[in-house]
N, C-alpha and C. Protein backbone atom coordinates (compact mmCIF):
# COMPACT_ATOMS: atom_id res chain seq x y z
N UNK A 1 3.33 20.05 43.20
CA UNK A 1 1.96 20.29 42.79
C UNK A 1 1.38 21.55 43.43
N UNK A 2 1.63 21.83 44.70
CA UNK A 2 1.08 23.07 45.27
C UNK A 2 1.66 24.33 44.63
N UNK A 3 2.86 24.24 44.06
CA UNK A 3 3.45 25.41 43.41
C UNK A 3 2.67 25.81 42.16
N UNK A 4 2.03 24.84 41.52
CA UNK A 4 1.24 25.15 40.34
C UNK A 4 0.02 26.00 40.67
N UNK A 5 -0.49 25.87 41.87
CA UNK A 5 -1.64 26.68 42.28
C UNK A 5 -1.27 28.16 42.38
N UNK A 6 -0.01 28.45 42.55
CA UNK A 6 0.45 29.84 42.61
C UNK A 6 0.98 30.29 41.25
N UNK A 7 1.72 29.41 40.57
CA UNK A 7 2.39 29.79 39.33
C UNK A 7 1.42 30.00 38.18
N UNK A 8 0.37 29.23 38.08
CA UNK A 8 -0.57 29.39 36.96
C UNK A 8 -1.33 30.71 37.05
N UNK A 9 -1.87 31.11 38.20
CA UNK A 9 -2.51 32.44 38.26
C UNK A 9 -1.52 33.59 38.04
N UNK A 10 -0.31 33.44 38.54
CA UNK A 10 0.69 34.49 38.32
C UNK A 10 1.03 34.60 36.84
N UNK A 11 1.17 33.48 36.15
CA UNK A 11 1.45 33.49 34.71
C UNK A 11 0.30 34.12 33.95
N UNK A 12 -0.92 33.81 34.31
CA UNK A 12 -2.08 34.41 33.65
C UNK A 12 -2.14 35.91 33.90
N UNK A 13 -1.78 36.33 35.08
CA UNK A 13 -1.74 37.76 35.41
C UNK A 13 -0.68 38.48 34.57
N UNK A 14 0.47 37.87 34.41
CA UNK A 14 1.54 38.48 33.61
C UNK A 14 1.11 38.57 32.14
N UNK A 15 0.46 37.55 31.63
CA UNK A 15 -0.03 37.57 30.24
C UNK A 15 -1.10 38.66 30.09
N UNK A 16 -1.98 38.80 31.05
CA UNK A 16 -3.02 39.83 30.99
C UNK A 16 -2.40 41.23 30.99
N UNK A 17 -1.39 41.44 31.81
CA UNK A 17 -0.72 42.74 31.84
C UNK A 17 -0.01 43.01 30.51
N UNK A 18 0.63 42.01 29.93
CA UNK A 18 1.32 42.18 28.65
C UNK A 18 0.32 42.52 27.54
N UNK A 19 -0.83 41.87 27.53
CA UNK A 19 -1.85 42.17 26.53
C UNK A 19 -2.40 43.58 26.72
N UNK A 20 -2.60 43.98 27.97
CA UNK A 20 -3.08 45.34 28.25
C UNK A 20 -2.06 46.37 27.76
N UNK A 21 -0.78 46.16 28.04
CA UNK A 21 0.25 47.10 27.60
C UNK A 21 0.32 47.17 26.08
N UNK A 22 0.18 46.02 25.41
CA UNK A 22 0.19 46.02 23.94
C UNK A 22 -0.97 46.83 23.38
N UNK A 23 -2.18 46.60 23.87
CA UNK A 23 -3.32 47.34 23.35
C UNK A 23 -3.25 48.83 23.72
N UNK A 24 -2.68 49.16 24.87
CA UNK A 24 -2.48 50.56 25.23
C UNK A 24 -1.52 51.22 24.23
N UNK A 25 -0.44 50.53 23.86
CA UNK A 25 0.53 51.08 22.92
C UNK A 25 -0.10 51.29 21.54
N UNK A 26 -0.92 50.35 21.11
CA UNK A 26 -1.58 50.49 19.81
C UNK A 26 -2.57 51.65 19.84
N UNK A 27 -3.34 51.78 20.90
CA UNK A 27 -4.32 52.86 21.00
C UNK A 27 -3.68 54.23 21.12
N UNK A 28 -2.50 54.31 21.73
CA UNK A 28 -1.86 55.61 21.91
C UNK A 28 -1.04 56.03 20.70
N UNK A 29 -0.99 55.20 19.66
CA UNK A 29 -0.34 55.60 18.42
C UNK A 29 1.13 55.25 18.34
N UNK A 30 1.61 54.33 19.12
CA UNK A 30 3.02 53.98 19.10
C UNK A 30 3.43 53.32 17.78
N UNK A 31 2.50 52.68 17.10
CA UNK A 31 2.82 51.94 15.89
C UNK A 31 2.23 52.59 14.64
N UNK A 32 1.88 53.86 14.70
CA UNK A 32 1.25 54.51 13.55
C UNK A 32 2.21 54.71 12.39
N UNK A 33 3.41 55.22 12.65
CA UNK A 33 4.35 55.52 11.58
C UNK A 33 5.63 54.74 11.81
N UNK A 34 5.73 53.58 11.20
CA UNK A 34 6.92 52.75 11.38
C UNK A 34 8.02 53.10 10.38
N UNK A 35 7.68 53.67 9.22
CA UNK A 35 8.68 53.95 8.20
C UNK A 35 9.26 55.35 8.31
N UNK A 36 8.55 56.28 8.90
CA UNK A 36 9.02 57.66 8.96
C UNK A 36 10.34 57.83 9.67
N UNK A 37 10.50 57.34 10.90
CA UNK A 37 11.79 57.50 11.58
C UNK A 37 12.94 56.79 10.86
N UNK A 38 12.66 55.67 10.21
CA UNK A 38 13.72 54.95 9.51
C UNK A 38 14.18 55.73 8.27
N UNK A 39 13.28 56.44 7.62
CA UNK A 39 13.64 57.19 6.42
C UNK A 39 14.13 58.59 6.75
N UNK A 40 13.88 59.08 7.94
CA UNK A 40 14.26 60.46 8.27
C UNK A 40 15.77 60.64 8.31
N UNK A 41 16.53 59.57 8.55
CA UNK A 41 17.98 59.72 8.58
C UNK A 41 18.57 59.90 7.19
N UNK A 42 17.78 59.65 6.15
CA UNK A 42 18.28 59.79 4.79
C UNK A 42 18.19 61.22 4.28
N UNK A 43 17.43 62.07 4.95
CA UNK A 43 17.23 63.43 4.48
C UNK A 43 18.12 64.38 5.26
N UNK A 44 18.65 65.36 4.56
CA UNK A 44 19.54 66.35 5.16
C UNK A 44 18.71 67.42 5.86
N UNK A 45 19.04 67.71 7.10
CA UNK A 45 18.30 68.70 7.87
C UNK A 45 18.84 70.12 7.69
N UNK A 46 19.99 70.26 7.07
CA UNK A 46 20.62 71.57 6.99
C UNK A 46 19.92 72.46 5.98
N UNK A 47 19.78 73.70 6.34
CA UNK A 47 19.16 74.70 5.49
C UNK A 47 20.23 75.29 4.57
N UNK A 48 20.06 75.21 3.25
CA UNK A 48 21.10 75.76 2.36
C UNK A 48 21.21 77.27 2.44
N UNK A 49 20.19 77.95 2.94
CA UNK A 49 20.24 79.41 3.07
C UNK A 49 20.66 79.86 4.46
N UNK A 50 21.22 78.97 5.24
CA UNK A 50 21.66 79.31 6.59
C UNK A 50 22.81 80.29 6.52
N UNK A 51 22.80 81.32 7.34
CA UNK A 51 23.78 82.41 7.24
C UNK A 51 25.03 82.19 8.08
N UNK A 52 25.15 81.06 8.74
CA UNK A 52 26.32 80.83 9.58
C UNK A 52 27.37 79.96 8.89
N UNK A 53 27.25 79.80 7.59
CA UNK A 53 28.20 78.97 6.86
C UNK A 53 29.56 79.62 6.79
N UNK A 54 30.60 78.82 6.67
CA UNK A 54 31.96 79.33 6.56
C UNK A 54 32.54 78.83 5.25
N UNK A 55 33.08 79.74 4.46
CA UNK A 55 33.73 79.37 3.21
C UNK A 55 35.04 78.68 3.55
N UNK A 56 35.18 77.43 3.14
CA UNK A 56 36.35 76.65 3.53
C UNK A 56 37.63 77.19 2.90
N UNK A 57 37.56 77.75 1.72
CA UNK A 57 38.77 78.21 1.04
C UNK A 57 39.32 79.49 1.66
N UNK A 58 38.45 80.43 1.98
CA UNK A 58 38.94 81.72 2.48
C UNK A 58 38.83 81.85 3.99
N UNK A 59 38.02 81.04 4.62
CA UNK A 59 37.85 81.14 6.07
C UNK A 59 36.92 82.26 6.48
N UNK A 60 36.27 82.90 5.49
CA UNK A 60 35.35 83.99 5.80
C UNK A 60 33.95 83.46 6.02
N UNK A 61 33.16 84.24 6.71
CA UNK A 61 31.74 83.93 6.80
C UNK A 61 31.11 84.25 5.46
N UNK A 62 30.24 83.40 5.02
CA UNK A 62 29.58 83.62 3.74
C UNK A 62 28.08 83.69 3.95
N UNK A 63 27.43 84.36 3.01
CA UNK A 63 25.99 84.46 3.04
C UNK A 63 25.49 84.05 1.67
N UNK A 64 24.53 83.15 1.63
CA UNK A 64 24.00 82.70 0.35
C UNK A 64 22.71 83.45 0.04
N UNK A 65 22.66 84.01 -1.18
CA UNK A 65 21.48 84.70 -1.65
C UNK A 65 21.15 84.09 -3.02
N UNK A 66 20.00 83.49 -3.14
CA UNK A 66 19.55 82.87 -4.38
C UNK A 66 20.59 81.89 -4.93
N UNK A 67 21.22 81.13 -4.06
CA UNK A 67 22.16 80.11 -4.49
C UNK A 67 23.54 80.63 -4.78
N UNK A 68 23.77 81.94 -4.65
CA UNK A 68 25.09 82.52 -4.90
C UNK A 68 25.74 82.91 -3.58
N UNK A 69 27.02 82.64 -3.47
CA UNK A 69 27.74 83.00 -2.25
C UNK A 69 28.21 84.45 -2.34
N UNK A 70 27.98 85.19 -1.28
CA UNK A 70 28.47 86.57 -1.21
C UNK A 70 29.19 86.73 0.11
N UNK A 71 30.14 87.60 0.15
CA UNK A 71 30.77 87.86 1.44
C UNK A 71 32.19 87.71 1.43
């Protein structure tokens, strides 16, 4: 029985801290965009006009201009 006098206030303190952390996370914007990071892996980050591409057939560096390979 004396242990309950310590455990109940400690449990209430832990619950209060958890509620505070939850509301801090909501206020700081942690839950604003839940779908963006999940969908970002579906999009390709590579730039098609990047000049460091290598032509696999010839092994030469290629440069793309208006969708055409030169080089």
